[in-house]
Amino acid sequence: MSTYHPNGMDEATTDDSMGATIKRHAEEQLDTIKEATAVAQERTADTVSKTMDESARFVRENPGVALAGALGVGVLIGLALRGRD
């Protein structure tokens, strides 16, 4: 059963047109999200790489400070895992 529409389109045609429009809009939004995610991933990878390089340089230039820091972190982790007896 068709419903009368002033523009001459029946209900099924209108629904198909709306469905196609919604699908196209969703695909456009998905493409936008994919592009934004790719950019964010690239920036994150660059930041991690730079941070790793800077950390390695710091440890090479300041081995004593790095060792003391690692020892301190180890002690804190040990105390935290030991719990309260």
N, C-alpha and C. Protein backbone atom coordinates (compact mmCIF):
# COMPACT_ATOMS: atom_id res chain seq x y z
N MET A 1 0.85 -1.16 0.00
CA MET A 1 0.00 0.00 0.00
C MET A 1 0.90 1.23 0.00
N SER A 2 0.65 2.16 -0.90
CA SER A 2 1.42 3.39 -1.01
C SER A 2 0.71 4.51 -0.30
N THR A 3 1.51 5.41 0.20
CA THR A 3 0.97 6.61 0.83
C THR A 3 1.21 7.77 -0.11
N TYR A 4 0.22 8.64 -0.26
CA TYR A 4 0.33 9.78 -1.16
C TYR A 4 1.27 10.82 -0.57
N HIS A 5 2.19 11.30 -1.41
CA HIS A 5 3.07 12.39 -1.04
C HIS A 5 2.92 13.49 -2.07
N PRO A 6 2.89 14.74 -1.65
CA PRO A 6 2.68 15.85 -2.57
C PRO A 6 3.72 15.92 -3.69
N ASN A 7 4.93 15.46 -3.46
CA ASN A 7 5.96 15.54 -4.49
C ASN A 7 5.86 14.39 -5.50
N GLY A 8 4.89 13.55 -5.35
CA GLY A 8 4.64 12.47 -6.29
C GLY A 8 5.39 11.19 -6.00
N MET A 9 6.20 11.16 -4.96
CA MET A 9 6.95 9.96 -4.60
C MET A 9 6.13 9.14 -3.63
N ASP A 10 6.16 7.84 -3.81
CA ASP A 10 5.45 7.01 -2.84
C ASP A 10 6.35 6.76 -1.64
N GLU A 11 5.80 6.17 -0.60
CA GLU A 11 6.50 6.00 0.67
C GLU A 11 7.75 5.15 0.51
N ALA A 12 7.69 4.08 -0.29
CA ALA A 12 8.83 3.19 -0.47
C ALA A 12 9.99 3.93 -1.11
N THR A 13 9.70 4.76 -2.10
CA THR A 13 10.76 5.50 -2.77
C THR A 13 11.40 6.50 -1.81
N THR A 14 10.59 7.15 -1.01
CA THR A 14 11.10 8.10 -0.03
C THR A 14 11.98 7.39 0.99
N ASP A 15 11.55 6.23 1.47
CA ASP A 15 12.34 5.45 2.43
C ASP A 15 13.66 5.02 1.82
N ASP A 16 13.64 4.58 0.54
CA ASP A 16 14.88 4.17 -0.13
C ASP A 16 15.84 5.35 -0.27
N SER A 17 15.30 6.49 -0.61
CA SER A 17 16.12 7.69 -0.77
C SER A 17 16.72 8.11 0.56
N MET A 18 15.93 8.07 1.62
CA MET A 18 16.43 8.42 2.94
C MET A 18 17.49 7.42 3.40
N GLY A 19 17.24 6.15 3.13
CA GLY A 19 18.21 5.12 3.51
C GLY A 19 19.53 5.32 2.79
N ALA A 20 19.48 5.65 1.51
CA ALA A 20 20.70 5.88 0.73
C ALA A 20 21.43 7.12 1.26
N THR A 21 20.69 8.15 1.62
CA THR A 21 21.29 9.37 2.15
C THR A 21 21.96 9.09 3.49
N ILE A 22 21.29 8.35 4.34
CA ILE A 22 21.85 8.01 5.65
C ILE A 22 23.10 7.16 5.49
N LYS A 23 23.04 6.21 4.57
CA LYS A 23 24.19 5.35 4.33
C LYS A 23 25.38 6.16 3.82
N ARG A 24 25.14 7.06 2.88
CA ARG A 24 26.21 7.90 2.33
C ARG A 24 26.82 8.77 3.43
N HIS A 25 25.96 9.35 4.25
CA HIS A 25 26.45 10.20 5.35
C HIS A 25 27.29 9.38 6.34
N ALA A 26 26.83 8.19 6.66
CA ALA A 26 27.57 7.33 7.59
C ALA A 26 28.93 6.94 7.00
N GLU A 27 28.97 6.65 5.70
CA GLU A 27 30.23 6.30 5.06
C GLU A 27 31.19 7.48 5.06
N GLU A 28 30.67 8.69 4.84
CA GLU A 28 31.50 9.90 4.87
C GLU A 28 32.07 10.10 6.28
N GLN A 29 31.24 9.91 7.29
CA GLN A 29 31.70 10.06 8.66
C GLN A 29 32.76 9.01 9.00
N LEU A 30 32.56 7.79 8.53
CA LEU A 30 33.53 6.72 8.77
C LEU A 30 34.87 7.06 8.12
N ASP A 31 34.84 7.58 6.89
CA ASP A 31 36.07 7.98 6.23
C ASP A 31 36.79 9.08 7.00
N THR A 32 36.03 10.04 7.51
CA THR A 32 36.61 11.13 8.30
C THR A 32 37.27 10.57 9.56
N ILE A 33 36.60 9.65 10.23
CA ILE A 33 37.14 9.05 11.45
C ILE A 33 38.39 8.24 11.14
N LYS A 34 38.39 7.51 10.03
CA LYS A 34 39.57 6.73 9.65
C LYS A 34 40.77 7.64 9.40
N GLU A 35 40.54 8.76 8.71
CA GLU A 35 41.62 9.69 8.43
C GLU A 35 42.16 10.30 9.72
N ALA A 36 41.26 10.71 10.61
CA ALA A 36 41.69 11.30 11.88
C ALA A 36 42.46 10.29 12.73
N THR A 37 42.03 9.05 12.71
CA THR A 37 42.71 7.99 13.46
C THR A 37 44.11 7.74 12.90
N ALA A 38 44.23 7.75 11.58
CA ALA A 38 45.54 7.53 10.96
C ALA A 38 46.50 8.66 11.32
N VAL A 39 46.01 9.89 11.31
CA VAL A 39 46.85 11.04 11.68
C VAL A 39 47.27 10.93 13.14
N ALA A 40 46.32 10.61 14.02
CA ALA A 40 46.62 10.48 15.45
C ALA A 40 47.63 9.36 15.68
N GLN A 41 47.48 8.25 14.97
CA GLN A 41 48.40 7.13 15.13
C GLN A 41 49.81 7.53 14.69
N GLU A 42 49.92 8.26 13.59
CA GLU A 42 51.23 8.68 13.11
C GLU A 42 51.88 9.65 14.10
N ARG A 43 51.11 10.59 14.61
CA ARG A 43 51.66 11.54 15.59
C ARG A 43 52.10 10.82 16.86
N THR A 44 51.31 9.86 17.31
CA THR A 44 51.65 9.11 18.52
C THR A 44 52.93 8.31 18.30
N ALA A 45 53.04 7.67 17.14
CA ALA A 45 54.25 6.90 16.85
C ALA A 45 55.48 7.80 16.82
N ASP A 46 55.34 9.00 16.24
CA ASP A 46 56.45 9.95 16.22
C ASP A 46 56.84 10.38 17.63
N THR A 47 55.84 10.67 18.45
CA THR A 47 56.11 11.11 19.82
C THR A 47 56.79 10.02 20.63
N VAL A 48 56.32 8.79 20.50
CA VAL A 48 56.92 7.67 21.23
C VAL A 48 58.37 7.47 20.78
N SER A 49 58.59 7.55 19.48
CA SER A 49 59.95 7.37 18.96
C SER A 49 60.89 8.45 19.49
N LYS A 50 60.44 9.70 19.47
CA LYS A 50 61.27 10.80 19.99
C LYS A 50 61.54 10.63 21.48
N THR A 51 60.52 10.22 22.23
CA THR A 51 60.68 10.03 23.67
C THR A 51 61.68 8.92 23.97
N MET A 52 61.59 7.83 23.22
CA MET A 52 62.53 6.73 23.42
C MET A 52 63.96 7.16 23.11
N ASP A 53 64.12 7.93 22.03
CA ASP A 53 65.46 8.42 21.68
C ASP A 53 66.01 9.34 22.77
N GLU A 54 65.17 10.24 23.27
CA GLU A 54 65.61 11.16 24.32
C GLU A 54 65.94 10.41 25.61
N SER A 55 65.15 9.40 25.93
CA SER A 55 65.41 8.60 27.13
C SER A 55 66.74 7.85 27.02
N ALA A 56 66.98 7.26 25.86
CA ALA A 56 68.23 6.53 25.65
C ALA A 56 69.42 7.48 25.75
N ARG A 57 69.27 8.68 25.17
CA ARG A 57 70.34 9.67 25.24
C ARG A 57 70.60 10.10 26.70
N PHE A 58 69.51 10.31 27.46
CA PHE A 58 69.66 10.70 28.86
C PHE A 58 70.39 9.64 29.66
N VAL A 59 70.04 8.38 29.45
CA VAL A 59 70.68 7.28 30.19
C VAL A 59 72.15 7.18 29.81
N ARG A 60 72.49 7.37 28.52
CA ARG A 60 73.90 7.33 28.11
C ARG A 60 74.68 8.47 28.74
N GLU A 61 74.06 9.65 28.83
CA GLU A 61 74.76 10.82 29.36
C GLU A 61 74.77 10.85 30.89
N ASN A 62 73.81 10.19 31.54
CA ASN A 62 73.68 10.23 33.00
C ASN A 62 73.41 8.83 33.57
N PRO A 63 74.36 7.92 33.42
CA PRO A 63 74.09 6.55 33.86
C PRO A 63 73.86 6.43 35.36
N GLY A 64 74.55 7.23 36.16
CA GLY A 64 74.38 7.17 37.62
C GLY A 64 72.98 7.60 38.04
N VAL A 65 72.49 8.68 37.46
CA VAL A 65 71.14 9.16 37.77
C VAL A 65 70.10 8.12 37.33
N ALA A 66 70.31 7.56 36.15
CA ALA A 66 69.37 6.55 35.66
C ALA A 66 69.36 5.32 36.57
N LEU A 67 70.52 4.90 37.01
CA LEU A 67 70.62 3.74 37.90
C LEU A 67 69.95 4.03 39.24
N ALA A 68 70.20 5.21 39.78
CA ALA A 68 69.56 5.57 41.06
C ALA A 68 68.04 5.65 40.91
N GLY A 69 67.59 6.19 39.81
CA GLY A 69 66.15 6.26 39.57
C GLY A 69 65.53 4.88 39.46
N ALA A 70 66.20 3.99 38.73
CA ALA A 70 65.69 2.62 38.60
C ALA A 70 65.67 1.91 39.95
N LEU A 71 66.70 2.13 40.75
CA LEU A 71 66.75 1.53 42.09
C LEU A 71 65.60 2.06 42.95
N GLY A 72 65.36 3.36 42.89
CA GLY A 72 64.27 3.96 43.66
C GLY A 72 62.91 3.41 43.25
N VAL A 73 62.71 3.29 41.96
CA VAL A 73 61.43 2.74 41.47
C VAL A 73 61.29 1.29 41.92
N GLY A 74 62.38 0.53 41.86
CA GLY A 74 62.34 -0.87 42.30
C GLY A 74 61.98 -0.98 43.77
N VAL A 75 62.56 -0.11 44.60
CA VAL A 75 62.25 -0.13 46.04
C VAL A 75 60.78 0.20 46.26
N LEU A 76 60.29 1.21 45.58
CA LEU A 76 58.86 1.59 45.74
C LEU A 76 57.93 0.46 45.31
N ILE A 77 58.26 -0.19 44.21
CA ILE A 77 57.43 -1.31 43.75
C ILE A 77 57.49 -2.45 44.77
N GLY A 78 58.68 -2.73 45.29
CA GLY A 78 58.83 -3.78 46.30
C GLY A 78 58.02 -3.48 47.54
N LEU A 79 58.06 -2.24 48.00
CA LEU A 79 57.27 -1.86 49.18
C LEU A 79 55.77 -1.97 48.90
N ALA A 80 55.36 -1.59 47.73
CA ALA A 80 53.94 -1.65 47.38
C ALA A 80 53.44 -3.09 47.29
N LEU A 81 54.27 -3.96 46.75
CA LEU A 81 53.87 -5.37 46.60
C LEU A 81 53.98 -6.15 47.91
N ARG A 82 54.82 -5.68 48.80
CA ARG A 82 55.01 -6.37 50.07
C ARG A 82 53.73 -6.35 50.88
N GLY A 83 53.01 -5.27 50.81
CA GLY A 83 51.76 -5.17 51.56
C GLY A 83 52.03 -4.88 53.02
N ARG A 84 50.98 -4.86 53.78
CA ARG A 84 51.09 -4.57 55.21
C ARG A 84 50.89 -5.84 56.00
N ASP A 85 51.91 -6.24 56.71
CA ASP A 85 51.84 -7.48 57.51
C ASP A 85 51.71 -7.15 58.97
